[in-house]
């Protein structure tokens, strides 16, 4: 069965069995929420596919995945994290001029994935990371 719409909305409204595939190709700022909401429903061997990670972007999903494995950005084609195995692939943006590369994520949860942090926790952690990396004269602004 195929459900169309944000995963969080579909899961709240429908009686859903095990999810074999979660395809994220909408508003990137909501990808992490949809992944978080879908986690309890993943079937064994489920796949998560997320498009447009750079353009327009899914910064909180990338940050959450990176924090979970402490290994983003990738130095190789595949990243192994504590709760997900995933591959980031560079793909050309469809019908974009001038040509533009984007990232596509294909992931598979391991046995019992934990819930991802809530949005406000991710934003606070990302802000703290950015502040720590900022030059001292900019931290006081």
N, C-alpha and C. Protein backbone atom coordinates (compact mmCIF):
# COMPACT_ATOMS: atom_id res chain seq x y z
N UNK A 1 0.85 -1.18 0.00
CA UNK A 1 0.00 0.00 0.00
C UNK A 1 0.89 1.24 0.00
N UNK A 2 0.49 2.27 -0.72
CA UNK A 2 1.25 3.50 -0.83
C UNK A 2 0.47 4.63 -0.17
N UNK A 3 1.13 5.37 0.71
CA UNK A 3 0.55 6.54 1.34
C UNK A 3 1.27 7.77 0.82
N UNK A 4 0.53 8.80 0.46
CA UNK A 4 1.12 10.02 -0.07
C UNK A 4 0.89 11.14 0.94
N UNK A 5 1.95 11.89 1.24
CA UNK A 5 1.88 12.98 2.20
C UNK A 5 3.04 12.87 3.16
N UNK A 6 3.11 13.80 4.10
CA UNK A 6 4.16 13.72 5.11
C UNK A 6 3.97 12.46 5.94
N UNK A 7 5.05 11.77 6.20
CA UNK A 7 4.97 10.51 6.96
C UNK A 7 4.31 10.71 8.31
N UNK A 8 4.67 11.79 9.01
CA UNK A 8 4.09 12.03 10.34
C UNK A 8 2.57 12.16 10.24
N UNK A 9 2.07 12.85 9.20
CA UNK A 9 0.62 13.01 9.04
C UNK A 9 -0.04 11.69 8.68
N UNK A 10 0.56 10.95 7.74
CA UNK A 10 -0.01 9.66 7.34
C UNK A 10 -0.05 8.68 8.51
N UNK A 11 1.00 8.64 9.29
CA UNK A 11 1.06 7.72 10.42
C UNK A 11 0.03 8.09 11.49
N UNK A 12 -0.22 9.38 11.67
CA UNK A 12 -1.20 9.82 12.66
C UNK A 12 -2.63 9.49 12.24
N UNK A 13 -2.90 9.48 10.94
CA UNK A 13 -4.28 9.30 10.43
C UNK A 13 -4.62 7.88 10.04
N UNK A 14 -3.65 7.09 9.70
CA UNK A 14 -3.90 5.78 9.11
C UNK A 14 -3.51 4.66 10.07
N UNK A 15 -4.13 3.53 9.85
CA UNK A 15 -3.67 2.31 10.50
C UNK A 15 -2.59 1.74 9.58
N UNK A 16 -1.35 1.80 10.02
CA UNK A 16 -0.23 1.41 9.18
C UNK A 16 0.43 0.17 9.78
N UNK A 17 0.74 -0.75 8.89
CA UNK A 17 1.50 -1.91 9.32
C UNK A 17 2.98 -1.59 9.27
N UNK A 18 3.76 -2.61 8.99
CA UNK A 18 5.20 -2.40 8.88
C UNK A 18 5.53 -1.60 7.62
N UNK A 19 6.46 -0.66 7.75
CA UNK A 19 6.91 0.14 6.61
C UNK A 19 8.13 -0.52 5.99
N UNK A 20 8.06 -0.77 4.69
CA UNK A 20 9.19 -1.32 3.96
C UNK A 20 10.07 -0.21 3.38
N UNK A 21 9.43 0.90 2.95
CA UNK A 21 10.15 2.02 2.33
C UNK A 21 9.57 3.33 2.84
N UNK A 22 10.47 4.25 3.18
CA UNK A 22 10.08 5.62 3.52
C UNK A 22 10.82 6.51 2.54
N UNK A 23 10.07 7.19 1.66
CA UNK A 23 10.67 8.07 0.66
C UNK A 23 10.38 9.51 1.05
N UNK A 24 11.45 10.28 1.29
CA UNK A 24 11.33 11.67 1.71
C UNK A 24 11.75 12.58 0.56
N UNK A 25 10.80 13.33 0.05
CA UNK A 25 11.08 14.23 -1.07
C UNK A 25 10.10 15.40 -1.00
N UNK A 26 10.10 16.08 0.14
CA UNK A 26 9.20 17.22 0.32
C UNK A 26 9.98 18.33 0.98
N UNK A 27 9.55 18.82 2.10
CA UNK A 27 10.22 19.90 2.82
C UNK A 27 11.32 19.32 3.70
N UNK A 28 12.58 19.58 3.33
CA UNK A 28 13.73 19.02 4.03
C UNK A 28 13.79 19.36 5.50
N UNK A 29 13.23 20.49 5.89
CA UNK A 29 13.25 20.87 7.31
C UNK A 29 12.38 19.96 8.15
N UNK A 30 11.60 19.09 7.52
CA UNK A 30 10.72 18.17 8.25
C UNK A 30 11.17 16.71 8.13
N UNK A 31 12.23 16.44 7.36
CA UNK A 31 12.66 15.05 7.15
C UNK A 31 12.93 14.33 8.48
N UNK A 32 13.65 14.99 9.38
CA UNK A 32 14.00 14.33 10.65
C UNK A 32 12.76 13.99 11.46
N UNK A 33 11.72 14.84 11.40
CA UNK A 33 10.49 14.56 12.13
C UNK A 33 9.78 13.34 11.54
N UNK A 34 9.76 13.25 10.20
CA UNK A 34 9.12 12.11 9.57
C UNK A 34 9.89 10.81 9.85
N UNK A 35 11.20 10.88 9.82
CA UNK A 35 12.01 9.71 10.15
C UNK A 35 11.75 9.29 11.60
N UNK A 36 11.74 10.26 12.49
CA UNK A 36 11.50 10.00 13.92
C UNK A 36 10.15 9.35 14.13
N UNK A 37 9.11 9.87 13.45
CA UNK A 37 7.77 9.31 13.60
C UNK A 37 7.60 7.94 12.98
N UNK A 38 8.37 7.64 11.94
CA UNK A 38 8.22 6.37 11.24
C UNK A 38 9.02 5.24 11.88
N UNK A 39 10.01 5.57 12.69
CA UNK A 39 10.91 4.54 13.24
C UNK A 39 10.21 3.35 13.87
N UNK A 40 9.16 3.55 14.68
CA UNK A 40 8.53 2.38 15.31
C UNK A 40 7.87 1.42 14.31
N UNK A 41 7.66 1.87 13.07
CA UNK A 41 6.93 1.08 12.08
C UNK A 41 7.83 0.38 11.06
N UNK A 42 9.14 0.58 11.14
CA UNK A 42 10.03 -0.01 10.13
C UNK A 42 10.03 -1.53 10.21
N UNK A 43 9.82 -2.14 9.03
CA UNK A 43 9.92 -3.59 8.92
C UNK A 43 11.39 -3.98 8.90
N UNK A 44 11.66 -5.23 9.14
CA UNK A 44 13.02 -5.75 9.02
C UNK A 44 13.51 -5.49 7.59
N UNK A 45 14.67 -4.89 7.43
CA UNK A 45 15.22 -4.61 6.12
C UNK A 45 14.63 -3.38 5.44
N UNK A 46 13.92 -2.55 6.18
CA UNK A 46 13.31 -1.35 5.60
C UNK A 46 14.38 -0.43 5.02
N UNK A 47 13.97 0.39 4.06
CA UNK A 47 14.86 1.36 3.43
C UNK A 47 14.27 2.76 3.57
N UNK A 48 15.14 3.71 3.84
CA UNK A 48 14.78 5.12 3.88
C UNK A 48 15.51 5.79 2.72
N UNK A 49 14.79 6.52 1.90
CA UNK A 49 15.38 7.25 0.79
C UNK A 49 15.00 8.71 0.98
N UNK A 50 16.00 9.58 1.00
CA UNK A 50 15.76 11.02 1.17
C UNK A 50 16.48 11.77 0.07
N UNK A 51 15.72 12.56 -0.67
CA UNK A 51 16.25 13.33 -1.80
C UNK A 51 16.40 14.79 -1.40
N UNK A 52 17.18 15.52 -2.17
CA UNK A 52 17.33 16.97 -2.00
C UNK A 52 17.91 17.35 -0.63
N UNK A 53 18.92 16.63 -0.19
CA UNK A 53 19.51 16.91 1.13
C UNK A 53 20.27 18.22 1.17
N UNK A 54 20.79 18.67 0.03
CA UNK A 54 21.52 19.94 -0.01
C UNK A 54 20.68 21.07 -0.58
N UNK A 55 19.85 20.78 -1.57
CA UNK A 55 19.07 21.81 -2.26
C UNK A 55 17.63 21.37 -2.35
N UNK A 56 16.70 21.89 -1.64
CA UNK A 56 16.84 23.03 -0.75
C UNK A 56 17.48 22.69 0.59
N UNK A 57 17.58 21.40 0.91
CA UNK A 57 18.36 21.03 2.09
C UNK A 57 17.54 20.41 3.21
N UNK A 58 18.22 19.56 3.99
CA UNK A 58 17.64 18.91 5.16
C UNK A 58 18.68 18.96 6.28
N UNK A 59 18.98 20.17 6.76
CA UNK A 59 20.10 20.32 7.70
C UNK A 59 19.93 19.58 9.01
N UNK A 60 18.72 19.52 9.54
CA UNK A 60 18.55 18.84 10.83
C UNK A 60 18.66 17.33 10.70
N UNK A 61 18.22 16.78 9.58
CA UNK A 61 18.40 15.35 9.35
C UNK A 61 19.88 15.02 9.21
N UNK A 62 20.60 15.81 8.43
CA UNK A 62 22.03 15.59 8.27
C UNK A 62 22.76 15.74 9.59
N UNK A 63 22.38 16.72 10.37
CA UNK A 63 23.02 16.93 11.67
C UNK A 63 22.73 15.75 12.60
N UNK A 64 21.47 15.30 12.65
CA UNK A 64 21.10 14.18 13.52
C UNK A 64 21.85 12.91 13.14
N UNK A 65 21.94 12.63 11.85
CA UNK A 65 22.65 11.44 11.41
C UNK A 65 24.14 11.57 11.69
N UNK A 66 24.68 12.75 11.48
CA UNK A 66 26.09 12.98 11.75
C UNK A 66 26.42 12.87 13.22
N UNK A 67 25.56 13.41 14.07
CA UNK A 67 25.79 13.33 15.51
C UNK A 67 25.69 11.90 16.00
N UNK A 68 24.78 11.13 15.43
CA UNK A 68 24.61 9.74 15.87
C UNK A 68 25.86 8.93 15.62
N UNK A 69 26.54 9.20 14.51
CA UNK A 69 27.72 8.43 14.18
C UNK A 69 29.02 9.18 14.35
N UNK A 70 28.92 10.50 14.61
CA UNK A 70 30.11 11.35 14.75
C UNK A 70 31.05 11.19 13.56
N UNK A 71 30.45 11.04 12.34
CA UNK A 71 31.31 10.79 11.20
C UNK A 71 30.90 11.57 9.95
N UNK A 72 30.08 12.58 10.08
CA UNK A 72 29.69 13.37 8.90
C UNK A 72 30.56 14.59 8.84
N UNK A 73 31.11 15.05 7.74
CA UNK A 73 30.83 14.54 6.40
C UNK A 73 31.56 13.24 6.10
N UNK A 74 31.04 12.53 5.14
CA UNK A 74 31.59 11.23 4.79
C UNK A 74 32.91 11.39 4.06
N UNK A 75 33.83 10.51 4.35
CA UNK A 75 35.08 10.49 3.60
C UNK A 75 35.03 9.39 2.55
N UNK A 76 34.09 8.51 2.67
CA UNK A 76 33.93 7.44 1.70
C UNK A 76 32.49 7.36 1.26
N UNK A 77 32.14 6.37 0.45
CA UNK A 77 30.79 6.30 -0.08
C UNK A 77 29.76 5.85 0.94
N UNK A 78 30.17 5.20 2.03
CA UNK A 78 29.20 4.67 2.98
C UNK A 78 29.61 5.04 4.40
N UNK A 79 28.62 5.31 5.22
CA UNK A 79 28.85 5.66 6.62
C UNK A 79 28.15 4.63 7.47
N UNK A 80 28.81 4.11 8.47
CA UNK A 80 28.18 3.18 9.38
C UNK A 80 27.98 3.89 10.71
N UNK A 81 26.73 3.95 11.17
CA UNK A 81 26.41 4.63 12.42
C UNK A 81 25.93 3.61 13.42
N UNK A 82 25.69 4.07 14.62
CA UNK A 82 25.24 3.18 15.68
C UNK A 82 23.88 2.55 15.38
N UNK A 83 22.98 3.29 14.71
CA UNK A 83 21.61 2.79 14.54
C UNK A 83 21.14 2.72 13.09
N UNK A 84 21.93 3.24 12.18
CA UNK A 84 21.59 3.21 10.75
C UNK A 84 22.84 2.91 9.94
N UNK A 85 22.63 2.16 8.88
CA UNK A 85 23.66 2.05 7.84
C UNK A 85 23.14 2.92 6.71
N UNK A 86 23.99 3.80 6.20
CA UNK A 86 23.51 4.62 5.10
C UNK A 86 24.61 5.00 4.14
N UNK A 87 24.18 5.33 2.95
CA UNK A 87 25.06 5.77 1.89
C UNK A 87 24.56 7.11 1.39
N UNK A 88 25.47 8.05 1.22
CA UNK A 88 25.15 9.32 0.60
C UNK A 88 25.71 9.29 -0.82
N UNK A 89 24.86 9.59 -1.78
CA UNK A 89 25.29 9.60 -3.17
C UNK A 89 25.13 10.99 -3.75
N UNK A 90 26.14 11.44 -4.47
CA UNK A 90 26.05 12.72 -5.15
C UNK A 90 25.31 12.49 -6.46
N UNK A 91 24.24 13.25 -6.66
CA UNK A 91 23.43 13.10 -7.87
C UNK A 91 23.17 14.48 -8.48
N UNK A 92 23.04 14.54 -9.81
CA UNK A 92 22.71 15.83 -10.42
C UNK A 92 21.25 16.19 -10.14
N UNK A 93 21.01 17.45 -9.84
CA UNK A 93 19.64 17.92 -9.61
C UNK A 93 18.89 17.85 -10.94
N UNK A 94 17.70 17.30 -10.91
CA UNK A 94 16.90 17.10 -12.12
C UNK A 94 16.46 18.43 -12.73
N UNK A 95 16.70 18.59 -14.01
CA UNK A 95 16.30 19.76 -14.79
C UNK A 95 16.73 21.09 -14.17
N UNK A 96 17.92 21.14 -13.66
CA UNK A 96 18.41 22.38 -13.05
C UNK A 96 19.47 23.00 -13.95
N UNK A 97 19.33 24.29 -14.22
CA UNK A 97 20.34 25.01 -14.99
C UNK A 97 20.75 26.24 -14.23
N UNK A 98 22.01 26.49 -13.98
CA UNK A 98 23.14 25.65 -14.38
C UNK A 98 23.14 24.34 -13.60
N UNK A 99 23.87 23.34 -14.11
CA UNK A 99 23.91 22.03 -13.43
C UNK A 99 24.28 22.18 -11.95
N UNK A 100 23.63 21.38 -11.13
CA UNK A 100 23.81 21.47 -9.68
C UNK A 100 23.81 20.06 -9.10
N UNK A 101 24.78 19.76 -8.25
CA UNK A 101 24.82 18.46 -7.60
C UNK A 101 24.10 18.53 -6.26
N UNK A 102 23.47 17.42 -5.90
CA UNK A 102 22.75 17.31 -4.64
C UNK A 102 23.14 15.98 -4.00
N UNK A 103 22.60 15.72 -2.81
CA UNK A 103 22.85 14.46 -2.12
C UNK A 103 21.56 13.67 -1.99
N UNK A 104 21.69 12.36 -2.16
CA UNK A 104 20.60 11.42 -1.97
C UNK A 104 21.04 10.44 -0.89
N UNK A 105 20.17 10.21 0.08
CA UNK A 105 20.46 9.29 1.18
C UNK A 105 19.67 8.02 0.98
N UNK A 106 20.34 6.87 1.12
CA UNK A 106 19.66 5.58 1.19
C UNK A 106 20.14 4.96 2.50
N UNK A 107 19.17 4.68 3.37
CA UNK A 107 19.52 4.19 4.71
C UNK A 107 18.70 2.96 5.07
N UNK A 108 19.22 2.23 6.03
CA UNK A 108 18.52 1.07 6.57
C UNK A 108 18.73 1.07 8.08
N UNK A 109 17.63 1.02 8.86
CA UNK A 109 17.80 0.98 10.31
C UNK A 109 18.36 -0.37 10.75
N UNK A 110 19.14 -0.32 11.79
CA UNK A 110 19.58 -1.58 12.39
C UNK A 110 18.46 -2.10 13.25
N UNK A 111 18.67 -3.16 13.97
CA UNK A 111 17.60 -3.86 14.69
C UNK A 111 16.61 -2.97 15.44
N UNK A 112 17.07 -2.18 16.38
CA UNK A 112 16.15 -1.38 17.20
C UNK A 112 16.61 0.07 17.22
N UNK A 113 16.25 0.85 16.19
CA UNK A 113 16.71 2.24 16.18
C UNK A 113 16.05 3.05 17.29
N UNK A 114 16.82 3.91 17.94
CA UNK A 114 16.23 4.78 18.95
C UNK A 114 15.55 5.95 18.26
N UNK A 115 14.79 6.68 19.01
CA UNK A 115 14.17 7.88 18.46
C UNK A 115 15.24 8.95 18.28
N UNK A 116 15.14 9.67 17.16
CA UNK A 116 16.04 10.80 16.93
C UNK A 116 15.69 11.92 17.90
N UNK A 117 16.62 12.79 18.19
CA UNK A 117 16.32 13.91 19.08
C UNK A 117 15.23 14.79 18.49
N UNK A 118 14.50 15.47 19.39
CA UNK A 118 13.46 16.41 18.96
C UNK A 118 14.09 17.60 18.25
N UNK A 119 13.29 18.29 17.44
CA UNK A 119 13.77 19.43 16.64
C UNK A 119 14.49 20.46 17.51
N UNK A 120 13.88 20.84 18.63
CA UNK A 120 14.49 21.89 19.45
C UNK A 120 15.84 21.43 20.04
N UNK A 121 15.98 20.14 20.31
CA UNK A 121 17.26 19.63 20.80
C UNK A 121 18.32 19.67 19.70
N UNK A 122 17.90 19.33 18.47
CA UNK A 122 18.83 19.37 17.34
C UNK A 122 19.28 20.80 17.07
N UNK A 123 18.34 21.74 17.11
CA UNK A 123 18.67 23.14 16.85
C UNK A 123 19.64 23.66 17.91
N UNK A 124 19.39 23.33 19.18
CA UNK A 124 20.28 23.76 20.25
C UNK A 124 21.67 23.16 20.09
N UNK A 125 21.75 21.88 19.75
CA UNK A 125 23.05 21.23 19.57
C UNK A 125 23.79 21.80 18.37
N UNK A 126 23.07 22.04 17.27
CA UNK A 126 23.71 22.62 16.08
C UNK A 126 24.20 24.03 16.38
N UNK A 127 23.42 24.82 17.10
CA UNK A 127 23.83 26.18 17.47
C UNK A 127 25.08 26.15 18.34
N UNK A 128 25.11 25.24 19.31
CA UNK A 128 26.27 25.12 20.19
C UNK A 128 27.52 24.74 19.39
N UNK A 129 27.36 23.83 18.43
CA UNK A 129 28.49 23.43 17.58
C UNK A 129 29.01 24.60 16.77
N UNK A 130 28.08 25.37 16.18
CA UNK A 130 28.48 26.52 15.38
C UNK A 130 29.17 27.58 16.24
N UNK A 131 28.65 27.82 17.43
CA UNK A 131 29.25 28.82 18.32
C UNK A 131 30.65 28.39 18.74
N UNK A 132 30.84 27.11 19.01
CA UNK A 132 32.15 26.62 19.42
C UNK A 132 33.17 26.76 18.30
N UNK A 133 32.70 26.68 17.05
CA UNK A 133 33.61 26.77 15.91
C UNK A 133 33.85 28.22 15.47
N UNK A 134 33.04 29.15 15.98
CA UNK A 134 33.16 30.55 15.58
C UNK A 134 34.40 31.19 16.21
N UNK A 135 34.99 32.15 15.50
CA UNK A 135 36.12 32.88 16.10
C UNK A 135 35.66 33.59 17.37
N UNK A 136 36.55 33.73 18.36
CA UNK A 136 36.17 34.33 19.65
C UNK A 136 35.51 35.69 19.53
N UNK A 137 35.93 36.53 18.60
CA UNK A 137 35.34 37.86 18.49
C UNK A 137 33.91 37.83 17.98
N UNK A 138 33.48 36.74 17.32
CA UNK A 138 32.11 36.63 16.85
C UNK A 138 31.18 35.98 17.88
N UNK A 139 31.72 35.28 18.85
CA UNK A 139 30.90 34.57 19.83
C UNK A 139 30.12 35.52 20.72
N UNK A 140 30.58 36.73 20.89
CA UNK A 140 29.90 37.66 21.79
C UNK A 140 28.78 38.43 21.09
N UNK A 141 28.58 38.24 19.79
CA UNK A 141 27.54 38.97 19.07
C UNK A 141 26.16 38.45 19.39
